[in-house]
Amino acid sequence: MEIKNGDVKIVDEILLRAASEPNFRRLLLTEPIKVLGDFDISSEAKSIIKNVIGNFK
């Protein structure tokens, strides 16, 4: 699965934010579709994030 270069930066920002902000992390874990809907990234990038956070549930 490939993601666009612009998506890479946003994915990094989302994961760093999740690592440093407990409330954002909690929301991302419990409502990933809602949270990721606020970001302008491809469905492939959203899928990668959901796979990553799925490993931490």
Protein backbone atom coordinates (compact mmCIF):
# COMPACT_ATOMS: atom_id res chain seq x y z
CA MET A 1 0.00 0.00 0.00
CA GLU A 2 1.44 3.36 -1.00
CA ILE A 3 0.57 6.82 0.24
CA LYS A 4 1.25 10.19 -1.35
CA ASN A 5 4.17 12.29 -0.15
CA GLY A 6 1.84 14.94 1.26
CA ASP A 7 0.06 12.28 3.26
CA VAL A 8 3.31 11.12 4.86
CA LYS A 9 3.77 14.44 6.65
CA ILE A 10 0.19 14.45 7.93
CA VAL A 11 0.40 10.81 9.06
CA ASP A 12 3.57 11.69 10.98
CA GLU A 13 1.80 14.65 12.59
CA ILE A 14 -1.19 12.51 13.58
CA LEU A 15 0.97 9.79 15.14
CA LEU A 16 3.21 12.30 16.95
CA ARG A 17 0.14 14.09 18.27
CA ALA A 18 -1.31 10.79 19.45
CA ALA A 19 1.94 10.04 21.23
CA SER A 20 2.06 13.38 23.02
CA GLU A 21 -1.62 14.22 23.66
CA PRO A 22 -3.53 11.66 25.75
CA ASN A 23 -6.98 13.05 24.86
CA PHE A 24 -6.25 12.95 21.12
CA ARG A 25 -4.84 9.43 21.47
CA ARG A 26 -7.94 8.27 23.34
CA LEU A 27 -10.20 9.74 20.65
CA LEU A 28 -8.12 8.22 17.87
CA LEU A 29 -8.34 4.80 19.52
CA THR A 30 -12.07 4.97 20.23
CA GLU A 31 -13.34 6.91 17.20
CA PRO A 32 -10.73 6.64 14.44
CA ILE A 33 -13.14 7.24 11.56
CA LYS A 34 -14.43 10.46 13.11
CA VAL A 35 -10.96 11.75 14.02
CA LEU A 36 -9.37 10.87 10.69
CA GLY A 37 -12.28 12.47 8.86
CA ASP A 38 -10.96 15.82 10.06
CA PHE A 39 -7.75 15.35 8.05
CA ASP A 40 -7.34 15.76 4.29
CA ILE A 41 -5.50 12.52 3.60
CA SER A 42 -6.08 9.60 1.26
CA SER A 43 -8.05 6.55 2.24
CA GLU A 44 -4.79 4.56 2.01
CA ALA A 45 -3.18 6.82 4.62
CA LYS A 46 -6.24 6.51 6.87
CA SER A 47 -6.07 2.75 6.51
CA ILE A 48 -2.40 2.71 7.54
CA ILE A 49 -3.16 4.76 10.65
CA LYS A 50 -6.07 2.49 11.56
CA ASN A 51 -3.79 -0.53 11.18
CA VAL A 52 -1.12 1.05 13.38
CA ILE A 53 -3.53 2.04 16.14
CA GLY A 54 -5.32 -1.28 15.89
CA ASN A 55 -2.18 -2.89 17.25
CA PHE A 56 -2.49 -0.84 20.45
CA LYS A 57 -6.11 -1.56 21.34
